[in-house]
Amino acid sequence: MNWYLKVLQNYAGFGGRARRKEYWMFFLFNTLISYGLLILAGLLEVPALGFLYMVYALGVLIPSIAVAIRRMHDVGKSGWFILVPIYNLILACTDSEKGDNQYGPNPKAEEVSDLQKV
């Protein structure tokens, strides 16, 4: 859940890099929350839950795009690659570029160096 909250805290941060774990954990929790709201709205037949789902979907639209762009940056590609249907999925599953690239330092290396300080 921390990865999900990290993406929401970096709401409109399109610069930098996002590692695979950050991207896929956000995707997982976003999907669970979305389907949870839809299922509850359908089972309970409460129109307010359908409206809540729409508000939620609009609220996470920009963070979803931002984390997808940062994920493309992590593999060394432009953020525009999120518009290429199958290739963006392949890139989202690809490991990070080793070391720094034009979009910033490798987030995995930062995490390893933080662990070594402890």
PDB file of N, CA and C in Angstrom:
ATOM      1  N   MET A   1       0.818  -1.192   0.000  1.00  0.00           N
ATOM      2  CA  MET A   1       0.000   0.000   0.000  1.00  0.00           C
ATOM      3  C   MET A   1       0.865   1.261   0.000  1.00  0.00           C
ATOM      4  N   ASN A   2       2.083   1.151   0.553  1.00  0.00           N
ATOM      5  CA  ASN A   2       2.983   2.314   0.562  1.00  0.00           C
ATOM      6  C   ASN A   2       3.332   2.761  -0.855  1.00  0.00           C
ATOM      7  N   TRP A   3       3.466   1.802  -1.770  1.00  0.00           N
ATOM      8  CA  TRP A   3       3.778   2.154  -3.158  1.00  0.00           C
ATOM      9  C   TRP A   3       2.625   2.921  -3.781  1.00  0.00           C
ATOM     10  N   TYR A   4       1.402   2.526  -3.463  1.00  0.00           N
ATOM     11  CA  TYR A   4       0.216   3.214  -3.970  1.00  0.00           C
ATOM     12  C   TYR A   4       0.188   4.655  -3.462  1.00  0.00           C
ATOM     13  N   LEU A   5       0.431   4.813  -2.178  1.00  0.00           N
ATOM     14  CA  LEU A   5       0.424   6.148  -1.581  1.00  0.00           C
ATOM     15  C   LEU A   5       1.575   7.003  -2.097  1.00  0.00           C
ATOM     16  N   LYS A   6       2.715   6.372  -2.377  1.00  0.00           N
ATOM     17  CA  LYS A   6       3.859   7.107  -2.920  1.00  0.00           C
ATOM     18  C   LYS A   6       3.508   7.728  -4.273  1.00  0.00           C
ATOM     19  N   VAL A   7       2.798   6.967  -5.108  1.00  0.00           N
ATOM     20  CA  VAL A   7       2.384   7.490  -6.417  1.00  0.00           C
ATOM     21  C   VAL A   7       1.399   8.641  -6.237  1.00  0.00           C
ATOM     22  N   LEU A   8       0.473   8.507  -5.306  1.00  0.00           N
ATOM     23  CA  LEU A   8      -0.499   9.578  -5.086  1.00  0.00           C
ATOM     24  C   LEU A   8       0.167  10.833  -4.523  1.00  0.00           C
ATOM     25  N   GLN A   9       1.214  10.666  -3.714  1.00  0.00           N
ATOM     26  CA  GLN A   9       1.930  11.822  -3.190  1.00  0.00           C
ATOM     27  C   GLN A   9       2.679  12.562  -4.289  1.00  0.00           C
ATOM     28  N   ASN A  10       3.149  11.822  -5.283  1.00  0.00           N
ATOM     29  CA  ASN A  10       3.826  12.414  -6.434  1.00  0.00           C
ATOM     30  C   ASN A  10       2.790  12.590  -7.549  1.00  0.00           C
ATOM     31  N   TYR A  11       1.698  13.241  -7.207  1.00  0.00           N
ATOM     32  CA  TYR A  11       0.472  13.308  -8.011  1.00  0.00           C
ATOM     33  C   TYR A  11       0.715  13.619  -9.484  1.00  0.00           C
ATOM     34  N   ALA A  12       1.399  14.688  -9.764  1.00  0.00           N
ATOM     35  CA  ALA A  12       1.589  15.096 -11.153  1.00  0.00           C
ATOM     36  C   ALA A  12       3.069  15.179 -11.492  1.00  0.00           C
ATOM     37  N   GLY A  13       3.868  14.312 -10.899  1.00  0.00           N
ATOM     38  CA  GLY A  13       5.301  14.287 -11.186  1.00  0.00           C
ATOM     39  C   GLY A  13       5.586  13.429 -12.403  1.00  0.00           C
ATOM     40  N   PHE A  14       5.758  14.081 -13.535  1.00  0.00           N
ATOM     41  CA  PHE A  14       6.001  13.350 -14.775  1.00  0.00           C
ATOM     42  C   PHE A  14       7.488  13.137 -15.031  1.00  0.00           C
ATOM     43  N   GLY A  15       8.337  13.792 -14.258  1.00  0.00           N
ATOM     44  CA  GLY A  15       9.778  13.637 -14.423  1.00  0.00           C
ATOM     45  C   GLY A  15      10.312  12.558 -13.499  1.00  0.00           C
ATOM     46  N   GLY A  16      11.454  12.047 -13.834  1.00  0.00           N
ATOM     47  CA  GLY A  16      12.074  11.025 -13.002  1.00  0.00           C
ATOM     48  C   GLY A  16      11.742   9.626 -13.478  1.00  0.00           C
ATOM     49  N   ARG A  17      11.970   8.676 -12.595  1.00  0.00           N
ATOM     50  CA  ARG A  17      11.816   7.270 -12.954  1.00  0.00           C
ATOM     51  C   ARG A  17      10.997   6.539 -11.896  1.00  0.00           C
ATOM     52  N   ALA A  18      10.260   5.523 -12.317  1.00  0.00           N
ATOM     53  CA  ALA A  18       9.489   4.679 -11.407  1.00  0.00           C
ATOM     54  C   ALA A  18       9.857   3.230 -11.684  1.00  0.00           C
ATOM     55  N   ARG A  19      10.275   2.525 -10.662  1.00  0.00           N
ATOM     56  CA  ARG A  19      10.648   1.122 -10.867  1.00  0.00           C
ATOM     57  C   ARG A  19       9.410   0.260 -11.071  1.00  0.00           C
ATOM     58  N   ARG A  20       9.658  -0.973 -11.510  1.00  0.00           N
ATOM     59  CA  ARG A  20       8.550  -1.880 -11.810  1.00  0.00           C
ATOM     60  C   ARG A  20       7.626  -2.087 -10.616  1.00  0.00           C
ATOM     61  N   LYS A  21       8.214  -2.281  -9.446  1.00  0.00           N
ATOM     62  CA  LYS A  21       7.416  -2.553  -8.255  1.00  0.00           C
ATOM     63  C   LYS A  21       6.451  -1.404  -7.962  1.00  0.00           C
ATOM     64  N   GLU A  22       6.924  -0.184  -8.075  1.00  0.00           N
ATOM     65  CA  GLU A  22       6.066   0.982  -7.840  1.00  0.00           C
ATOM     66  C   GLU A  22       4.906   1.006  -8.828  1.00  0.00           C
ATOM     67  N   TYR A  23       5.213   0.798 -10.101  1.00  0.00           N
ATOM     68  CA  TYR A  23       4.189   0.836 -11.138  1.00  0.00           C
ATOM     69  C   TYR A  23       3.150  -0.257 -10.944  1.00  0.00           C
ATOM     70  N   TRP A  24       3.585  -1.500 -10.763  1.00  0.00           N
ATOM     71  CA  TRP A  24       2.656  -2.626 -10.693  1.00  0.00           C
ATOM     72  C   TRP A  24       1.881  -2.666  -9.379  1.00  0.00           C
ATOM     73  N   MET A  25       2.475  -2.204  -8.285  1.00  0.00           N
ATOM     74  CA  MET A  25       1.729  -2.150  -7.029  1.00  0.00           C
ATOM     75  C   MET A  25       0.633  -1.077  -7.114  1.00  0.00           C
ATOM     76  N   PHE A  26       0.950   0.050  -7.744  1.00  0.00           N
ATOM     77  CA  PHE A  26      -0.090   1.064  -7.956  1.00  0.00           C
ATOM     78  C   PHE A  26      -1.193   0.497  -8.833  1.00  0.00           C
ATOM     79  N   PHE A  27      -0.825  -0.198  -9.886  1.00  0.00           N
ATOM     80  CA  PHE A  27      -1.793  -0.803 -10.794  1.00  0.00           C
ATOM     81  C   PHE A  27      -2.686  -1.796 -10.047  1.00  0.00           C
ATOM     82  N   LEU A  28      -2.074  -2.627  -9.195  1.00  0.00           N
ATOM     83  CA  LEU A  28      -2.826  -3.636  -8.437  1.00  0.00           C
ATOM     84  C   LEU A  28      -3.841  -2.985  -7.499  1.00  0.00           C
ATOM     85  N   PHE A  29      -3.389  -2.051  -6.664  1.00  0.00           N
ATOM     86  CA  PHE A  29      -4.295  -1.429  -5.711  1.00  0.00           C
ATOM     87  C   PHE A  29      -5.353  -0.576  -6.407  1.00  0.00           C
ATOM     88  N   ASN A  30      -4.983   0.085  -7.470  1.00  0.00           N
ATOM     89  CA  ASN A  30      -5.947   0.869  -8.233  1.00  0.00           C
ATOM     90  C   ASN A  30      -7.033  -0.039  -8.807  1.00  0.00           C
ATOM     91  N   THR A  31      -6.653  -1.178  -9.338  1.00  0.00           N
ATOM     92  CA  THR A  31      -7.613  -2.127  -9.891  1.00  0.00           C
ATOM     93  C   THR A  31      -8.520  -2.691  -8.800  1.00  0.00           C
ATOM     94  N   LEU A  32      -7.934  -3.061  -7.656  1.00  0.00           N
ATOM     95  CA  LEU A  32      -8.731  -3.600  -6.552  1.00  0.00           C
ATOM     96  C   LEU A  32      -9.759  -2.587  -6.045  1.00  0.00           C
ATOM     97  N   ILE A  33      -9.337  -1.357  -5.875  1.00  0.00           N
ATOM     98  CA  ILE A  33     -10.257  -0.319  -5.400  1.00  0.00           C
ATOM     99  C   ILE A  33     -11.351  -0.053  -6.429  1.00  0.00           C
ATOM    100  N   SER A  34     -10.976   0.035  -7.703  1.00  0.00           N
ATOM    101  CA  SER A  34     -11.956   0.308  -8.759  1.00  0.00           C
ATOM    102  C   SER A  34     -13.000  -0.796  -8.852  1.00  0.00           C
ATOM    103  N   TYR A  35     -12.542  -2.046  -8.931  1.00  0.00           N
ATOM    104  CA  TYR A  35     -13.492  -3.146  -9.030  1.00  0.00           C
ATOM    105  C   TYR A  35     -14.290  -3.318  -7.747  1.00  0.00           C
ATOM    106  N   GLY A  36     -13.670  -3.040  -6.608  1.00  0.00           N
ATOM    107  CA  GLY A  36     -14.397  -3.103  -5.345  1.00  0.00           C
ATOM    108  C   GLY A  36     -15.562  -2.129  -5.324  1.00  0.00           C
ATOM    109  N   LEU A  37     -15.312  -0.906  -5.749  1.00  0.00           N
ATOM    110  CA  LEU A  37     -16.388   0.094  -5.810  1.00  0.00           C
ATOM    111  C   LEU A  37     -17.471  -0.305  -6.812  1.00  0.00           C
ATOM    112  N   LEU A  38     -17.064  -0.830  -7.958  1.00  0.00           N
ATOM    113  CA  LEU A  38     -18.051  -1.240  -8.966  1.00  0.00           C
ATOM    114  C   LEU A  38     -18.900  -2.411  -8.476  1.00  0.00           C
ATOM    115  N   ILE A  39     -18.268  -3.377  -7.836  1.00  0.00           N
ATOM    116  CA  ILE A  39     -19.013  -4.545  -7.340  1.00  0.00           C
ATOM    117  C   ILE A  39     -19.977  -4.124  -6.234  1.00  0.00           C
ATOM    118  N   LEU A  40     -19.494  -3.279  -5.317  1.00  0.00           N
ATOM    119  CA  LEU A  40     -20.384  -2.790  -4.264  1.00  0.00           C
ATOM    120  C   LEU A  40     -21.554  -2.000  -4.836  1.00  0.00           C
ATOM    121  N   ALA A  41     -21.281  -1.178  -5.831  1.00  0.00           N
ATOM    122  CA  ALA A  41     -22.357  -0.394  -6.460  1.00  0.00           C
ATOM    123  C   ALA A  41     -23.382  -1.307  -7.115  1.00  0.00           C
ATOM    124  N   GLY A  42     -22.912  -2.384  -7.734  1.00  0.00           N
ATOM    125  CA  GLY A  42     -23.829  -3.318  -8.395  1.00  0.00           C
ATOM    126  C   GLY A  42     -24.606  -4.167  -7.417  1.00  0.00           C
ATOM    127  N   LEU A  43     -23.947  -4.655  -6.372  1.00  0.00           N
ATOM    128  CA  LEU A  43     -24.616  -5.521  -5.404  1.00  0.00           C
ATOM    129  C   LEU A  43     -25.594  -4.760  -4.521  1.00  0.00           C
ATOM    130  N   LEU A  44     -25.187  -3.604  -4.057  1.00  0.00           N
ATOM    131  CA  LEU A  44     -26.025  -2.833  -3.142  1.00  0.00           C
ATOM    132  C   LEU A  44     -27.024  -1.936  -3.867  1.00  0.00           C
ATOM    133  N   GLU A  45     -26.842  -1.781  -5.161  1.00  0.00           N
ATOM    134  CA  GLU A  45     -27.698  -0.935  -5.988  1.00  0.00           C
ATOM    135  C   GLU A  45     -27.831   0.472  -5.406  1.00  0.00           C
ATOM    136  N   VAL A  46     -26.684   1.011  -5.025  1.00  0.00           N
ATOM    137  CA  VAL A  46     -26.635   2.369  -4.484  1.00  0.00           C
ATOM    138  C   VAL A  46     -25.986   3.260  -5.536  1.00  0.00           C
ATOM    139  N   PRO A  47     -26.731   4.174  -6.142  1.00  0.00           N
ATOM    140  CA  PRO A  47     -26.174   5.029  -7.191  1.00  0.00           C
ATOM    141  C   PRO A  47     -25.008   5.894  -6.714  1.00  0.00           C
ATOM    142  N   ALA A  48     -24.994   6.211  -5.431  1.00  0.00           N
ATOM    143  CA  ALA A  48     -23.908   7.049  -4.902  1.00  0.00           C
ATOM    144  C   ALA A  48     -22.557   6.338  -5.033  1.00  0.00           C
ATOM    145  N   LEU A  49     -22.547   5.008  -4.934  1.00  0.00           N
ATOM    146  CA  LEU A  49     -21.285   4.272  -5.081  1.00  0.00           C
ATOM    147  C   LEU A  49     -20.792   4.320  -6.528  1.00  0.00           C
ATOM    148  N   GLY A  50     -21.709   4.307  -7.474  1.00  0.00           N
ATOM    149  CA  GLY A  50     -21.326   4.467  -8.880  1.00  0.00           C
ATOM    150  C   GLY A  50     -20.726   5.838  -9.125  1.00  0.00           C
ATOM    151  N   PHE A  51     -21.314   6.840  -8.497  1.00  0.00           N
ATOM    152  CA  PHE A  51     -20.775   8.192  -8.597  1.00  0.00           C
ATOM    153  C   PHE A  51     -19.411   8.278  -7.919  1.00  0.00           C
ATOM    154  N   LEU A  52     -19.268   7.608  -6.760  1.00  0.00           N
ATOM    155  CA  LEU A  52     -17.987   7.572  -6.050  1.00  0.00           C
ATOM    156  C   LEU A  52     -16.908   6.917  -6.911  1.00  0.00           C
ATOM    157  N   TYR A  53     -17.275   5.859  -7.629  1.00  0.00           N
ATOM    158  CA  TYR A  53     -16.337   5.220  -8.541  1.00  0.00           C
ATOM    159  C   TYR A  53     -15.874   6.198  -9.622  1.00  0.00           C
ATOM    160  N   MET A  54     -16.799   6.954 -10.190  1.00  0.00           N
ATOM    161  CA  MET A  54     -16.430   7.909 -11.244  1.00  0.00           C
ATOM    162  C   MET A  54     -15.509   8.995 -10.699  1.00  0.00           C
ATOM    163  N   VAL A  55     -15.789   9.472  -9.500  1.00  0.00           N
ATOM    164  CA  VAL A  55     -14.929  10.486  -8.875  1.00  0.00           C
ATOM    165  C   VAL A  55     -13.542   9.909  -8.618  1.00  0.00           C
ATOM    166  N   TYR A  56     -13.496   8.663  -8.118  1.00  0.00           N
ATOM    167  CA  TYR A  56     -12.214   8.003  -7.872  1.00  0.00           C
ATOM    168  C   TYR A  56     -11.430   7.841  -9.179  1.00  0.00           C
ATOM    169  N   ALA A  57     -12.106   7.361 -10.224  1.00  0.00           N
ATOM    170  CA  ALA A  57     -11.443   7.139 -11.517  1.00  0.00           C
ATOM    171  C   ALA A  57     -10.859   8.440 -12.066  1.00  0.00           C
ATOM    172  N   LEU A  58     -11.593   9.522 -11.954  1.00  0.00           N
ATOM    173  CA  LEU A  58     -11.075  10.810 -12.410  1.00  0.00           C
ATOM    174  C   LEU A  58      -9.939  11.300 -11.509  1.00  0.00           C
ATOM    175  N   GLY A  59     -10.036  10.997 -10.216  1.00  0.00           N
ATOM    176  CA  GLY A  59      -9.004  11.425  -9.273  1.00  0.00           C
ATOM    177  C   GLY A  59      -7.663  10.749  -9.484  1.00  0.00           C
ATOM    178  N   VAL A  60      -7.669   9.503  -9.931  1.00  0.00           N
ATOM    179  CA  VAL A  60      -6.399   8.786 -10.123  1.00  0.00           C
ATOM    180  C   VAL A  60      -5.952   8.769 -11.582  1.00  0.00           C
ATOM    181  N   LEU A  61      -6.665   9.477 -12.442  1.00  0.00           N
ATOM    182  CA  LEU A  61      -6.282   9.503 -13.855  1.00  0.00           C
ATOM    183  C   LEU A  61      -4.896  10.114 -14.058  1.00  0.00           C
ATOM    184  N   ILE A  62      -4.664  11.281 -13.502  1.00  0.00           N
ATOM    185  CA  ILE A  62      -3.365  11.941 -13.687  1.00  0.00           C
ATOM    186  C   ILE A  62      -2.240  11.169 -13.004  1.00  0.00           C
ATOM    187  N   PRO A  63      -2.409  10.686 -11.754  1.00  0.00           N
ATOM    188  CA  PRO A  63      -1.339   9.873 -11.167  1.00  0.00           C
ATOM    189  C   PRO A  63      -1.050   8.603 -11.976  1.00  0.00           C
ATOM    190  N   SER A  64      -2.073   8.005 -12.570  1.00  0.00           N
ATOM    191  CA  SER A  64      -1.869   6.807 -13.387  1.00  0.00           C
ATOM    192  C   SER A  64      -1.019   7.116 -14.614  1.00  0.00           C
ATOM    193  N   ILE A  65      -1.323   8.217 -15.260  1.00  0.00           N
ATOM    194  CA  ILE A  65      -0.541   8.620 -16.432  1.00  0.00           C
ATOM    195  C   ILE A  65       0.874   8.981 -16.015  1.00  0.00           C
ATOM    196  N   ALA A  66       1.013   9.679 -14.894  1.00  0.00           N
ATOM    197  CA  ALA A  66       2.338  10.103 -14.424  1.00  0.00           C
ATOM    198  C   ALA A  66       3.221   8.909 -14.096  1.00  0.00           C
ATOM    199  N   VAL A  67       2.689   7.912 -13.388  1.00  0.00           N
ATOM    200  CA  VAL A  67       3.514   6.750 -13.033  1.00  0.00           C
ATOM    201  C   VAL A  67       3.839   5.928 -14.281  1.00  0.00           C
ATOM    202  N   ALA A  68       2.938   5.881 -15.253  1.00  0.00           N
ATOM    203  CA  ALA A  68       3.229   5.160 -16.499  1.00  0.00           C
ATOM    204  C   ALA A  68       4.350   5.857 -17.267  1.00  0.00           C
ATOM    205  N   ILE A  69       4.335   7.172 -17.295  1.00  0.00           N
ATOM    206  CA  ILE A  69       5.400   7.921 -17.979  1.00  0.00           C
ATOM    207  C   ILE A  69       6.727   7.722 -17.255  1.00  0.00           C
ATOM    208  N   ARG A  70       6.706   7.790 -15.925  1.00  0.00           N
ATOM    209  CA  ARG A  70       7.949   7.563 -15.171  1.00  0.00           C
ATOM    210  C   ARG A  70       8.460   6.144 -15.373  1.00  0.00           C
ATOM    211  N   ARG A  71       7.545   5.171 -15.561  1.00  0.00           N
ATOM    212  CA  ARG A  71       7.961   3.788 -15.828  1.00  0.00           C
ATOM    213  C   ARG A  71       8.670   3.703 -17.180  1.00  0.00           C
ATOM    214  N   MET A  72       8.146   4.406 -18.183  1.00  0.00           N
ATOM    215  CA  MET A  72       8.805   4.420 -19.492  1.00  0.00           C
ATOM    216  C   MET A  72      10.177   5.074 -19.373  1.00  0.00           C
ATOM    217  N   HIS A  73      10.286   6.115 -18.564  1.00  0.00           N
ATOM    218  CA  HIS A  73      11.582   6.760 -18.347  1.00  0.00           C
ATOM    219  C   HIS A  73      12.575   5.799 -17.707  1.00  0.00           C
ATOM    220  N   ASP A  74      12.085   4.916 -16.843  1.00  0.00           N
ATOM    221  CA  ASP A  74      12.971   3.989 -16.145  1.00  0.00           C
ATOM    222  C   ASP A  74      13.645   3.007 -17.104  1.00  0.00           C
ATOM    223  N   VAL A  75      12.977   2.686 -18.193  1.00  0.00           N
ATOM    224  CA  VAL A  75      13.591   1.784 -19.176  1.00  0.00           C
ATOM    225  C   VAL A  75      14.279   2.558 -20.293  1.00  0.00           C
ATOM    226  N   GLY A  76      14.373   3.880 -20.134  1.00  0.00           N
ATOM    227  CA  GLY A  76      15.120   4.693 -21.081  1.00  0.00           C
ATOM    228  C   GLY A  76      14.332   5.151 -22.291  1.00  0.00           C
ATOM    229  N   LYS A  77      13.022   5.114 -22.218  1.00  0.00           N
ATOM    230  CA  LYS A  77      12.180   5.525 -23.344  1.00  0.00           C
ATOM    231  C   LYS A  77      11.426   6.797 -23.002  1.00  0.00           C
ATOM    232  N   SER A  78      10.958   7.467 -24.023  1.00  0.00           N
ATOM    233  CA  SER A  78      10.132   8.664 -23.842  1.00  0.00           C
ATOM    234  C   SER A  78       8.775   8.270 -23.257  1.00  0.00           C
ATOM    235  N   GLY A  79       8.161   9.179 -22.550  1.00  0.00           N
ATOM    236  CA  GLY A  79       6.837   8.926 -21.993  1.00  0.00           C
ATOM    237  C   GLY A  79       5.771   8.702 -23.049  1.00  0.00           C
ATOM    238  N   TRP A  80       6.019   9.153 -24.254  1.00  0.00           N
ATOM    239  CA  TRP A  80       5.054   8.973 -25.339  1.00  0.00           C
ATOM    240  C   TRP A  80       4.847   7.504 -25.692  1.00  0.00           C
ATOM    241  N   PHE A  81       5.741   6.631 -25.239  1.00  0.00           N
ATOM    242  CA  PHE A  81       5.595   5.211 -25.542  1.00  0.00           C
ATOM    243  C   PHE A  81       4.397   4.582 -24.830  1.00  0.00           C
ATOM    244  N   ILE A  82       3.780   5.286 -23.870  1.00  0.00           N
ATOM    245  CA  ILE A  82       2.570   4.733 -23.252  1.00  0.00           C
ATOM    246  C   ILE A  82       1.415   4.688 -24.241  1.00  0.00           C
ATOM    247  N   LEU A  83       1.545   5.398 -25.361  1.00  0.00           N
ATOM    248  CA  LEU A  83       0.491   5.411 -26.378  1.00  0.00           C
ATOM    249  C   LEU A  83       0.614   4.265 -27.380  1.00  0.00           C
ATOM    250  N   VAL A  84       1.706   3.497 -27.329  1.00  0.00           N
ATOM    251  CA  VAL A  84       1.911   2.383 -28.254  1.00  0.00           C
ATOM    252  C   VAL A  84       1.359   1.123 -27.583  1.00  0.00           C
ATOM    253  N   PRO A  85       0.274   0.538 -28.110  1.00  0.00           N
ATOM    254  CA  PRO A  85      -0.498  -0.479 -27.387  1.00  0.00           C
ATOM    255  C   PRO A  85       0.262  -1.660 -26.775  1.00  0.00           C
ATOM    256  N   ILE A  86       0.897  -2.492 -27.505  1.00  0.00           N
ATOM    257  CA  ILE A  86       1.518  -3.698 -26.932  1.00  0.00           C
ATOM    258  C   ILE A  86       2.912  -3.395 -26.403  1.00  0.00           C
ATOM    259  N   TYR A  87       3.623  -2.555 -27.084  1.00  0.00           N
ATOM    260  CA  TYR A  87       5.008  -2.262 -26.719  1.00  0.00           C
ATOM    261  C   TYR A  87       5.101  -1.631 -25.325  1.00  0.00           C
ATOM    262  N   ASN A  88       4.112  -0.813 -24.939  1.00  0.00           N
ATOM    263  CA  ASN A  88       4.171  -0.211 -23.611  1.00  0.00           C
ATOM    264  C   ASN A  88       4.033  -1.258 -22.515  1.00  0.00           C
ATOM    265  N   LEU A  89       3.272  -2.314 -22.761  1.00  0.00           N
ATOM    266  CA  LEU A  89       3.169  -3.405 -21.788  1.00  0.00           C
ATOM    267  C   LEU A  89       4.498  -4.140 -21.660  1.00  0.00           C
ATOM    268  N   ILE A  90       5.153  -4.355 -22.789  1.00  0.00           N
ATOM    269  CA  ILE A  90       6.471  -5.004 -22.765  1.00  0.00           C
ATOM    270  C   ILE A  90       7.470  -4.143 -22.000  1.00  0.00           C
ATOM    271  N   LEU A  91       7.444  -2.840 -22.252  1.00  0.00           N
ATOM    272  CA  LEU A  91       8.352  -1.936 -21.541  1.00  0.00           C
ATOM    273  C   LEU A  91       8.036  -1.876 -20.053  1.00  0.00           C
ATOM    274  N   ALA A  92       6.759  -1.936 -19.691  1.00  0.00           N
ATOM    275  CA  ALA A  92       6.375  -1.887 -18.280  1.00  0.00           C
ATOM    276  C   ALA A  92       6.872  -3.116 -17.527  1.00  0.00           C
ATOM    277  N   CYS A  93       7.058  -4.211 -18.245  1.00  0.00           N
ATOM    278  CA  CYS A  93       7.543  -5.451 -17.620  1.00  0.00           C
ATOM    279  C   CYS A  93       9.064  -5.582 -17.690  1.00  0.00           C
ATOM    280  N   THR A  94       9.723  -4.717 -18.421  1.00  0.00           N
ATOM    281  CA  THR A  94      11.167  -4.772 -18.607  1.00  0.00           C
ATOM    282  C   THR A  94      11.886  -4.194 -17.395  1.00  0.00           C
ATOM    283  N   ASP A  95      13.051  -4.756 -17.085  1.00  0.00           N
ATOM    284  CA  ASP A  95      13.842  -4.269 -15.960  1.00  0.00           C
ATOM    285  C   ASP A  95      14.396  -2.875 -16.256  1.00  0.00           C
ATOM    286  N   SER A  96      14.746  -2.171 -15.185  1.00  0.00           N
ATOM    287  CA  SER A  96      15.283  -0.814 -15.291  1.00  0.00           C
ATOM    288  C   SER A  96      16.587  -0.783 -16.069  1.00  0.00           C
ATOM    289  N   GLU A  97      16.881   0.389 -16.645  1.00  0.00           N
ATOM    290  CA  GLU A  97      18.209   0.610 -17.202  1.00  0.00           C
ATOM    291  C   GLU A  97      19.186   0.694 -16.049  1.00  0.00           C
ATOM    292  N   LYS A  98      20.319   0.063 -16.196  1.00  0.00           N
ATOM    293  CA  LYS A  98      21.338   0.107 -15.146  1.00  0.00           C
ATOM    294  C   LYS A  98      21.927   1.511 -15.065  1.00  0.00           C
ATOM    295  N   GLY A  99      22.116   1.978 -13.848  1.00  0.00           N
ATOM    296  CA  GLY A  99      22.733   3.287 -13.650  1.00  0.00           C
ATOM    297  C   GLY A  99      21.801   4.424 -14.007  1.00  0.00           C
ATOM    298  N   ASP A 100      22.382   5.598 -14.073  1.00  0.00           N
ATOM    299  CA  ASP A 100      21.613   6.798 -14.396  1.00  0.00           C
ATOM    300  C   ASP A 100      21.318   6.844 -15.888  1.00  0.00           C
ATOM    301  N   ASN A 101      20.211   7.480 -16.241  1.00  0.00           N
ATOM    302  CA  ASN A 101      19.931   7.763 -17.642  1.00  0.00           C
ATOM    303  C   ASN A 101      19.498   9.227 -17.744  1.00  0.00           C
ATOM    304  N   GLN A 102      19.049   9.648 -18.914  1.00  0.00           N
ATOM    305  CA  GLN A 102      18.721  11.063 -19.120  1.00  0.00           C
ATOM    306  C   GLN A 102      17.532  11.525 -18.275  1.00  0.00           C
ATOM    307  N   TYR A 103      16.785  10.583 -17.684  1.00  0.00           N
ATOM    308  CA  TYR A 103      15.614  10.936 -16.897  1.00  0.00           C
ATOM    309  C   TYR A 103      15.883  10.956 -15.394  1.00  0.00           C
ATOM    310  N   GLY A 104      17.069  10.551 -14.996  1.00  0.00           N
ATOM    311  CA  GLY A 104      17.408  10.614 -13.578  1.00  0.00           C
ATOM    312  C   GLY A 104      18.144   9.378 -13.096  1.00  0.00           C
ATOM    313  N   PRO A 105      18.430   9.340 -11.795  1.00  0.00           N
ATOM    314  CA  PRO A 105      19.146   8.193 -11.232  1.00  0.00           C
ATOM    315  C   PRO A 105      18.242   6.964 -11.151  1.00  0.00           C
ATOM    316  N   ASN A 106      18.870   5.808 -11.118  1.00  0.00           N
ATOM    317  CA  ASN A 106      18.143   4.544 -11.025  1.00  0.00           C
ATOM    318  C   ASN A 106      17.512   4.428  -9.641  1.00  0.00           C
ATOM    319  N   PRO A 107      16.171   4.271  -9.551  1.00  0.00           N
ATOM    320  CA  PRO A 107      15.528   4.184  -8.239  1.00  0.00           C
ATOM    321  C   PRO A 107      15.936   2.942  -7.453  1.00  0.00           C
ATOM    322  N   LYS A 108      16.326   1.877  -8.136  1.00  0.00           N
ATOM    323  CA  LYS A 108      16.795   0.680  -7.436  1.00  0.00           C
ATOM    324  C   LYS A 108      18.114   0.960  -6.733  1.00  0.00           C
ATOM    325  N   ALA A 109      18.991   1.678  -7.386  1.00  0.00           N
ATOM    326  CA  ALA A 109      20.293   1.990  -6.795  1.00  0.00           C
ATOM    327  C   ALA A 109      20.116   2.873  -5.568  1.00  0.00           C
ATOM    328  N   GLU A 110      19.156   3.799  -5.614  1.00  0.00           N
ATOM    329  CA  GLU A 110      18.900   4.660  -4.457  1.00  0.00           C
ATOM    330  C   GLU A 110      18.407   3.843  -3.277  1.00  0.00           C
ATOM    331  N   GLU A 111      17.549   2.850  -3.547  1.00  0.00           N
ATOM    332  CA  GLU A 111      17.016   2.027  -2.468  1.00  0.00           C
ATOM    333  C   GLU A 111      18.114   1.164  -1.853  1.00  0.00           C
ATOM    334  N   VAL A 112      19.006   0.625  -2.672  1.00  0.00           N
ATOM    335  CA  VAL A 112      20.106  -0.191  -2.178  1.00  0.00           C
ATOM    336  C   VAL A 112      21.047   0.650  -1.328  1.00  0.00           C
ATOM    337  N   SER A 113      21.353   1.867  -1.756  1.00  0.00           N
ATOM    338  CA  SER A 113      22.255   2.721  -0.996  1.00  0.00           C
ATOM    339  C   SER A 113      21.604   3.142   0.333  1.00  0.00           C
ATOM    340  N   ASP A 114      20.282   3.320   0.351  1.00  0.00           N
ATOM    341  CA  ASP A 114      19.595   3.646   1.609  1.00  0.00           C
ATOM    342  C   ASP A 114      19.653   2.463   2.576  1.00  0.00           C
ATOM    343  N   LEU A 115      19.551   1.248   2.057  1.00  0.00           N
ATOM    344  CA  LEU A 115      19.624   0.065   2.910  1.00  0.00           C
ATOM    345  C   LEU A 115      21.020  -0.143   3.458  1.00  0.00           C
ATOM    346  N   GLN A 116      22.030   0.216   2.686  1.00  0.00           N
ATOM    347  CA  GLN A 116      23.413   0.036   3.141  1.00  0.00           C
ATOM    348  C   GLN A 116      23.768   1.013   4.239  1.00  0.00           C
ATOM    349  N   LYS A 117      23.080   2.155   4.319  1.00  0.00           N
ATOM    350  CA  LYS A 117      23.354   3.136   5.355  1.00  0.00           C
ATOM    351  C   LYS A 117      22.880   2.658   6.710  1.00  0.00           C
ATOM    352  N   VAL A 118      21.892   1.773   6.734  1.00  0.00           N
ATOM    353  CA  VAL A 118      21.313   1.309   8.005  1.00  0.00           C
ATOM    354  C   VAL A 118      22.173   0.329   8.702  1.00  0.00           C
TER     355      VAL A 118
END
